[in-house]
Amino acid sequence: MTGNILQSGTHIARTDTKQMPDGTYEAQVFVRLSREPESAETFIPAGIHPDEPSALQAAQARAQRALDEHEF
């Protein structure tokens, strides 16, 4: 896992990146309520990026937005 986990109250957002076959990176965010198991995560795509650092930055920004807006 390349990302991290953010928590705000009862919401958890986990970020990650996935290398695509063409060498780009997909920024990924997974959100859930803290009382739910990891298998209950909801996937939020955060775009395709040319490198892993920019994908991770986009995922972290999207995760923060999900927490701020209580998306789960």
PDB file of N, CA and C in Angstrom:
ATOM      1  N   MET A   1       0.847  -1.178   0.000  1.00  0.00           N
ATOM      2  CA  MET A   1       0.000   0.000   0.000  1.00  0.00           C
ATOM      3  C   MET A   1       0.895   1.244   0.000  1.00  0.00           C
ATOM      4  N   THR A   2       0.592   2.183  -0.870  1.00  0.00           N
ATOM      5  CA  THR A   2       1.397   3.390  -0.983  1.00  0.00           C
ATOM      6  C   THR A   2       0.771   4.575  -0.273  1.00  0.00           C
ATOM      7  N   GLY A   3      -0.476   4.474   0.092  1.00  0.00           N
ATOM      8  CA  GLY A   3      -1.195   5.607   0.668  1.00  0.00           C
ATOM      9  C   GLY A   3      -1.197   5.594   2.174  1.00  0.00           C
ATOM     10  N   ASN A   4      -2.250   6.199   2.703  1.00  0.00           N
ATOM     11  CA  ASN A   4      -2.385   6.241   4.160  1.00  0.00           C
ATOM     12  C   ASN A   4      -3.862   6.229   4.526  1.00  0.00           C
ATOM     13  N   ILE A   5      -4.121   6.313   5.813  1.00  0.00           N
ATOM     14  CA  ILE A   5      -5.496   6.283   6.312  1.00  0.00           C
ATOM     15  C   ILE A   5      -5.765   7.590   7.045  1.00  0.00           C
ATOM     16  N   LEU A   6      -6.873   8.220   6.694  1.00  0.00           N
ATOM     17  CA  LEU A   6      -7.327   9.443   7.359  1.00  0.00           C
ATOM     18  C   LEU A   6      -8.608   9.104   8.102  1.00  0.00           C
ATOM     19  N   GLN A   7      -8.807   9.714   9.260  1.00  0.00           N
ATOM     20  CA  GLN A   7     -10.043   9.489  10.005  1.00  0.00           C
ATOM     21  C   GLN A   7     -10.569  10.810  10.525  1.00  0.00           C
ATOM     22  N   SER A   8     -11.881  10.953  10.432  1.00  0.00           N
ATOM     23  CA  SER A   8     -12.555  12.130  10.956  1.00  0.00           C
ATOM     24  C   SER A   8     -13.842  11.660  11.613  1.00  0.00           C
ATOM     25  N   GLY A   9     -13.859  11.690  12.924  1.00  0.00           N
ATOM     26  CA  GLY A   9     -15.053  11.221  13.627  1.00  0.00           C
ATOM     27  C   GLY A   9     -15.307   9.753  13.342  1.00  0.00           C
ATOM     28  N   THR A  10     -16.458   9.478  12.763  1.00  0.00           N
ATOM     29  CA  THR A  10     -16.833   8.088  12.490  1.00  0.00           C
ATOM     30  C   THR A  10     -16.514   7.652  11.065  1.00  0.00           C
ATOM     31  N   HIS A  11     -15.821   8.475  10.293  1.00  0.00           N
ATOM     32  CA  HIS A  11     -15.505   8.157   8.904  1.00  0.00           C
ATOM     33  C   HIS A  11     -14.012   7.873   8.720  1.00  0.00           C
ATOM     34  N   ILE A  12     -13.721   6.894   7.889  1.00  0.00           N
ATOM     35  CA  ILE A  12     -12.346   6.532   7.550  1.00  0.00           C
ATOM     36  C   ILE A  12     -12.191   6.610   6.038  1.00  0.00           C
ATOM     37  N   ALA A  13     -11.083   7.193   5.595  1.00  0.00           N
ATOM     38  CA  ALA A  13     -10.752   7.236   4.173  1.00  0.00           C
ATOM     39  C   ALA A  13      -9.349   6.662   4.011  1.00  0.00           C
ATOM     40  N   ARG A  14      -9.225   5.680   3.142  1.00  0.00           N
ATOM     41  CA  ARG A  14      -7.934   5.039   2.870  1.00  0.00           C
ATOM     42  C   ARG A  14      -7.533   5.396   1.445  1.00  0.00           C
ATOM     43  N   THR A  15      -6.293   5.816   1.245  1.00  0.00           N
ATOM     44  CA  THR A  15      -5.823   6.185  -0.086  1.00  0.00           C
ATOM     45  C   THR A  15      -4.823   5.151  -0.591  1.00  0.00           C
ATOM     46  N   ASP A  16      -4.761   5.034  -1.908  1.00  0.00           N
ATOM     47  CA  ASP A  16      -3.820   4.109  -2.535  1.00  0.00           C
ATOM     48  C   ASP A  16      -3.616   4.542  -3.975  1.00  0.00           C
ATOM     49  N   THR A  17      -2.642   3.949  -4.626  1.00  0.00           N
ATOM     50  CA  THR A  17      -2.427   4.145  -6.061  1.00  0.00           C
ATOM     51  C   THR A  17      -2.273   2.779  -6.707  1.00  0.00           C
ATOM     52  N   LYS A  18      -2.602   2.713  -7.984  1.00  0.00           N
ATOM     53  CA  LYS A  18      -2.475   1.462  -8.724  1.00  0.00           C
ATOM     54  C   LYS A  18      -1.818   1.777 -10.059  1.00  0.00           C
ATOM     55  N   GLN A  19      -0.716   1.086 -10.351  1.00  0.00           N
ATOM     56  CA  GLN A  19      -0.059   1.307 -11.634  1.00  0.00           C
ATOM     57  C   GLN A  19      -0.868   0.627 -12.733  1.00  0.00           C
ATOM     58  N   MET A  20      -1.112   1.380 -13.804  1.00  0.00           N
ATOM     59  CA  MET A  20      -1.879   0.890 -14.938  1.00  0.00           C
ATOM     60  C   MET A  20      -0.914   0.283 -15.966  1.00  0.00           C
ATOM     61  N   PRO A  21      -1.435  -0.529 -16.897  1.00  0.00           N
ATOM     62  CA  PRO A  21      -0.561  -1.171 -17.889  1.00  0.00           C
ATOM     63  C   PRO A  21       0.255  -0.186 -18.735  1.00  0.00           C
ATOM     64  N   ASP A  22      -0.253   1.026 -18.926  1.00  0.00           N
ATOM     65  CA  ASP A  22       0.467   2.006 -19.746  1.00  0.00           C
ATOM     66  C   ASP A  22       1.484   2.822 -18.955  1.00  0.00           C
ATOM     67  N   GLY A  23       1.690   2.488 -17.676  1.00  0.00           N
ATOM     68  CA  GLY A  23       2.673   3.177 -16.857  1.00  0.00           C
ATOM     69  C   GLY A  23       2.136   4.351 -16.067  1.00  0.00           C
ATOM     70  N   THR A  24       0.890   4.735 -16.290  1.00  0.00           N
ATOM     71  CA  THR A  24       0.275   5.794 -15.493  1.00  0.00           C
ATOM     72  C   THR A  24      -0.219   5.200 -14.178  1.00  0.00           C
ATOM     73  N   TYR A  25      -0.702   6.065 -13.294  1.00  0.00           N
ATOM     74  CA  TYR A  25      -1.171   5.618 -11.978  1.00  0.00           C
ATOM     75  C   TYR A  25      -2.592   6.092 -11.728  1.00  0.00           C
ATOM     76  N   GLU A  26      -3.416   5.181 -11.230  1.00  0.00           N
ATOM     77  CA  GLU A  26      -4.773   5.529 -10.828  1.00  0.00           C
ATOM     78  C   GLU A  26      -4.761   5.894  -9.349  1.00  0.00           C
ATOM     79  N   ALA A  27      -5.320   7.061  -9.030  1.00  0.00           N
ATOM     80  CA  ALA A  27      -5.474   7.473  -7.642  1.00  0.00           C
ATOM     81  C   ALA A  27      -6.763   6.868  -7.110  1.00  0.00           C
ATOM     82  N   GLN A  28      -6.699   6.224  -5.960  1.00  0.00           N
ATOM     83  CA  GLN A  28      -7.850   5.526  -5.410  1.00  0.00           C
ATOM     84  C   GLN A  28      -8.125   5.968  -3.979  1.00  0.00           C
ATOM     85  N   VAL A  29      -9.410   6.059  -3.658  1.00  0.00           N
ATOM     86  CA  VAL A  29      -9.847   6.374  -2.302  1.00  0.00           C
ATOM     87  C   VAL A  29     -10.921   5.356  -1.925  1.00  0.00           C
ATOM     88  N   PHE A  30     -10.844   4.860  -0.711  1.00  0.00           N
ATOM     89  CA  PHE A  30     -11.825   3.922  -0.183  1.00  0.00           C
ATOM     90  C   PHE A  30     -12.348   4.510   1.116  1.00  0.00           C
ATOM     91  N   VAL A  31     -13.657   4.674   1.223  1.00  0.00           N
ATOM     92  CA  VAL A  31     -14.248   5.279   2.424  1.00  0.00           C
ATOM     93  C   VAL A  31     -15.232   4.328   3.086  1.00  0.00           C
ATOM     94  N   ARG A  32     -15.351   4.484   4.395  1.00  0.00           N
ATOM     95  CA  ARG A  32     -16.309   3.678   5.160  1.00  0.00           C
ATOM     96  C   ARG A  32     -16.511   4.309   6.524  1.00  0.00           C
ATOM     97  N   LEU A  33     -17.523   3.865   7.203  1.00  0.00           N
ATOM     98  CA  LEU A  33     -17.713   4.229   8.601  1.00  0.00           C
ATOM     99  C   LEU A  33     -16.740   3.407   9.431  1.00  0.00           C
ATOM    100  N   SER A  34     -16.223   3.963  10.479  1.00  0.00           N
ATOM    101  CA  SER A  34     -15.205   3.267  11.276  1.00  0.00           C
ATOM    102  C   SER A  34     -15.730   1.979  11.895  1.00  0.00           C
ATOM    103  N   ARG A  35     -17.012   1.882  12.125  1.00  0.00           N
ATOM    104  CA  ARG A  35     -17.560   0.666  12.736  1.00  0.00           C
ATOM    105  C   ARG A  35     -17.782  -0.453  11.713  1.00  0.00           C
ATOM    106  N   GLU A  36     -17.634  -0.146  10.437  1.00  0.00           N
ATOM    107  CA  GLU A  36     -17.835  -1.155   9.393  1.00  0.00           C
ATOM    108  C   GLU A  36     -16.526  -1.886   9.089  1.00  0.00           C
ATOM    109  N   PRO A  37     -16.620  -3.120   8.608  1.00  0.00           N
ATOM    110  CA  PRO A  37     -15.409  -3.841   8.230  1.00  0.00           C
ATOM    111  C   PRO A  37     -14.817  -3.263   6.941  1.00  0.00           C
ATOM    112  N   GLU A  38     -13.552  -3.530   6.708  1.00  0.00           N
ATOM    113  CA  GLU A  38     -12.888  -3.027   5.512  1.00  0.00           C
ATOM    114  C   GLU A  38     -13.586  -3.497   4.233  1.00  0.00           C
ATOM    115  N   SER A  39     -14.230  -4.646   4.282  1.00  0.00           N
ATOM    116  CA  SER A  39     -14.931  -5.163   3.102  1.00  0.00           C
ATOM    117  C   SER A  39     -16.131  -4.291   2.713  1.00  0.00           C
ATOM    118  N   ALA A  40     -16.545  -3.365   3.585  1.00  0.00           N
ATOM    119  CA  ALA A  40     -17.682  -2.489   3.310  1.00  0.00           C
ATOM    120  C   ALA A  40     -17.255  -1.158   2.701  1.00  0.00           C
ATOM    121  N   GLU A  41     -15.981  -1.034   2.351  1.00  0.00           N
ATOM    122  CA  GLU A  41     -15.495   0.226   1.795  1.00  0.00           C
ATOM    123  C   GLU A  41     -16.163   0.559   0.465  1.00  0.00           C
ATOM    124  N   THR A  42     -16.352   1.853   0.245  1.00  0.00           N
ATOM    125  CA  THR A  42     -16.851   2.354  -1.028  1.00  0.00           C
ATOM    126  C   THR A  42     -15.669   2.949  -1.784  1.00  0.00           C
ATOM    127  N   PHE A  43     -15.524   2.565  -3.037  1.00  0.00           N
ATOM    128  CA  PHE A  43     -14.422   3.025  -3.876  1.00  0.00           C
ATOM    129  C   PHE A  43     -14.773   4.356  -4.524  1.00  0.00           C
ATOM    130  N   ILE A  44     -13.846   5.318  -4.450  1.00  0.00           N
ATOM    131  CA  ILE A  44     -14.003   6.605  -5.127  1.00  0.00           C
ATOM    132  C   ILE A  44     -12.776   6.790  -6.021  1.00  0.00           C
ATOM    133  N   PRO A  45     -12.945   6.769  -7.345  1.00  0.00           N
ATOM    134  CA  PRO A  45     -11.793   7.005  -8.215  1.00  0.00           C
ATOM    135  C   PRO A  45     -11.368   8.469  -8.130  1.00  0.00           C
ATOM    136  N   ALA A  46     -10.075   8.716  -8.213  1.00  0.00           N
ATOM    137  CA  ALA A  46      -9.568  10.086  -8.123  1.00  0.00           C
ATOM    138  C   ALA A  46      -8.695  10.437  -9.326  1.00  0.00           C
ATOM    139  N   GLY A  47      -8.906   9.749 -10.432  1.00  0.00           N
ATOM    140  CA  GLY A  47      -8.242  10.104 -11.674  1.00  0.00           C
ATOM    141  C   GLY A  47      -6.995   9.301 -11.992  1.00  0.00           C
ATOM    142  N   ILE A  48      -6.543   9.470 -13.229  1.00  0.00           N
ATOM    143  CA  ILE A  48      -5.332   8.841 -13.734  1.00  0.00           C
ATOM    144  C   ILE A  48      -4.255   9.917 -13.810  1.00  0.00           C
ATOM    145  N   HIS A  49      -3.053   9.585 -13.354  1.00  0.00           N
ATOM    146  CA  HIS A  49      -1.974  10.565 -13.257  1.00  0.00           C
ATOM    147  C   HIS A  49      -0.692  10.006 -13.858  1.00  0.00           C
ATOM    148  N   PRO A  50       0.210  10.890 -14.291  1.00  0.00           N
ATOM    149  CA  PRO A  50       1.418  10.428 -14.981  1.00  0.00           C
ATOM    150  C   PRO A  50       2.441   9.738 -14.076  1.00  0.00           C
ATOM    151  N   ASP A  51       2.384  10.013 -12.771  1.00  0.00           N
ATOM    152  CA  ASP A  51       3.345   9.379 -11.864  1.00  0.00           C
ATOM    153  C   ASP A  51       2.688   9.108 -10.513  1.00  0.00           C
ATOM    154  N   GLU A  52       3.358   8.279  -9.723  1.00  0.00           N
ATOM    155  CA  GLU A  52       2.789   7.867  -8.441  1.00  0.00           C
ATOM    156  C   GLU A  52       2.657   9.012  -7.440  1.00  0.00           C
ATOM    157  N   PRO A  53       3.639   9.916  -7.312  1.00  0.00           N
ATOM    158  CA  PRO A  53       3.475  11.009  -6.348  1.00  0.00           C
ATOM    159  C   PRO A  53       2.268  11.897  -6.641  1.00  0.00           C
ATOM    160  N   SER A  54       2.014  12.214  -7.911  1.00  0.00           N
ATOM    161  CA  SER A  54       0.856  13.061  -8.215  1.00  0.00           C
ATOM    162  C   SER A  54      -0.451  12.297  -8.004  1.00  0.00           C
ATOM    163  N   ALA A  55      -0.438  10.998  -8.258  1.00  0.00           N
ATOM    164  CA  ALA A  55      -1.635  10.190  -8.004  1.00  0.00           C
ATOM    165  C   ALA A  55      -1.925  10.127  -6.514  1.00  0.00           C
ATOM    166  N   LEU A  56      -0.900   9.950  -5.717  1.00  0.00           N
ATOM    167  CA  LEU A  56      -1.094   9.889  -4.272  1.00  0.00           C
ATOM    168  C   LEU A  56      -1.585  11.225  -3.731  1.00  0.00           C
ATOM    169  N   GLN A  57      -1.039  12.308  -4.240  1.00  0.00           N
ATOM    170  CA  GLN A  57      -1.483  13.645  -3.809  1.00  0.00           C
ATOM    171  C   GLN A  57      -2.960  13.852  -4.155  1.00  0.00           C
ATOM    172  N   ALA A  58      -3.366  13.440  -5.354  1.00  0.00           N
ATOM    173  CA  ALA A  58      -4.770  13.568  -5.762  1.00  0.00           C
ATOM    174  C   ALA A  58      -5.671  12.696  -4.888  1.00  0.00           C
ATOM    175  N   ALA A  59      -5.210  11.497  -4.572  1.00  0.00           N
ATOM    176  CA  ALA A  59      -5.998  10.599  -3.723  1.00  0.00           C
ATOM    177  C   ALA A  59      -6.173  11.202  -2.330  1.00  0.00           C
ATOM    178  N   GLN A  60      -5.125  11.777  -1.791  1.00  0.00           N
ATOM    179  CA  GLN A  60      -5.220  12.370  -0.462  1.00  0.00           C
ATOM    180  C   GLN A  60      -6.152  13.578  -0.449  1.00  0.00           C
ATOM    181  N   ALA A  61      -6.100  14.392  -1.502  1.00  0.00           N
ATOM    182  CA  ALA A  61      -7.007  15.542  -1.588  1.00  0.00           C
ATOM    183  C   ALA A  61      -8.452  15.065  -1.706  1.00  0.00           C
ATOM    184  N   ARG A  62      -8.673  14.023  -2.504  1.00  0.00           N
ATOM    185  CA  ARG A  62     -10.040  13.494  -2.674  1.00  0.00           C
ATOM    186  C   ARG A  62     -10.528  12.848  -1.381  1.00  0.00           C
ATOM    187  N   ALA A  63      -9.648  12.182  -0.663  1.00  0.00           N
ATOM    188  CA  ALA A  63     -10.025  11.571   0.609  1.00  0.00           C
ATOM    189  C   ALA A  63     -10.425  12.640   1.623  1.00  0.00           C
ATOM    190  N   GLN A  64      -9.690  13.722   1.659  1.00  0.00           N
ATOM    191  CA  GLN A  64     -10.029  14.804   2.587  1.00  0.00           C
ATOM    192  C   GLN A  64     -11.387  15.398   2.240  1.00  0.00           C
ATOM    193  N   ARG A  65     -11.666  15.556   0.949  1.00  0.00           N
ATOM    194  CA  ARG A  65     -12.981  16.045   0.532  1.00  0.00           C
ATOM    195  C   ARG A  65     -14.085  15.072   0.958  1.00  0.00           C
ATOM    196  N   ALA A  66     -13.833  13.779   0.804  1.00  0.00           N
ATOM    197  CA  ALA A  66     -14.826  12.785   1.214  1.00  0.00           C
ATOM    198  C   ALA A  66     -15.113  12.879   2.714  1.00  0.00           C
ATOM    199  N   LEU A  67     -14.076  13.085   3.503  1.00  0.00           N
ATOM    200  CA  LEU A  67     -14.270  13.231   4.948  1.00  0.00           C
ATOM    201  C   LEU A  67     -15.008  14.528   5.272  1.00  0.00           C
ATOM    202  N   ASP A  68     -14.613  15.615   4.631  1.00  0.00           N
ATOM    203  CA  ASP A  68     -15.253  16.915   4.892  1.00  0.00           C
ATOM    204  C   ASP A  68     -16.734  16.902   4.549  1.00  0.00           C
ATOM    205  N   GLU A  69     -17.083  16.174   3.487  1.00  0.00           N
ATOM    206  CA  GLU A  69     -18.477  16.140   3.017  1.00  0.00           C
ATOM    207  C   GLU A  69     -19.232  14.902   3.489  1.00  0.00           C
ATOM    208  N   HIS A  70     -18.606  14.112   4.358  1.00  0.00           N
ATOM    209  CA  HIS A  70     -19.236  12.908   4.935  1.00  0.00           C
ATOM    210  C   HIS A  70     -19.723  11.943   3.862  1.00  0.00           C
ATOM    211  N   GLU A  71     -18.879  11.688   2.889  1.00  0.00           N
ATOM    212  CA  GLU A  71     -19.203  10.725   1.824  1.00  0.00           C
ATOM    213  C   GLU A  71     -18.809   9.323   2.307  1.00  0.00           C
ATOM    214  N   PHE A  72     -19.714   8.407   2.209  1.00  0.00           N
ATOM    215  CA  PHE A  72     -19.418   7.023   2.549  1.00  0.00           C
ATOM    216  C   PHE A  72     -20.428   6.113   1.905  1.00  0.00           C
TER     217      PHE A  72
END
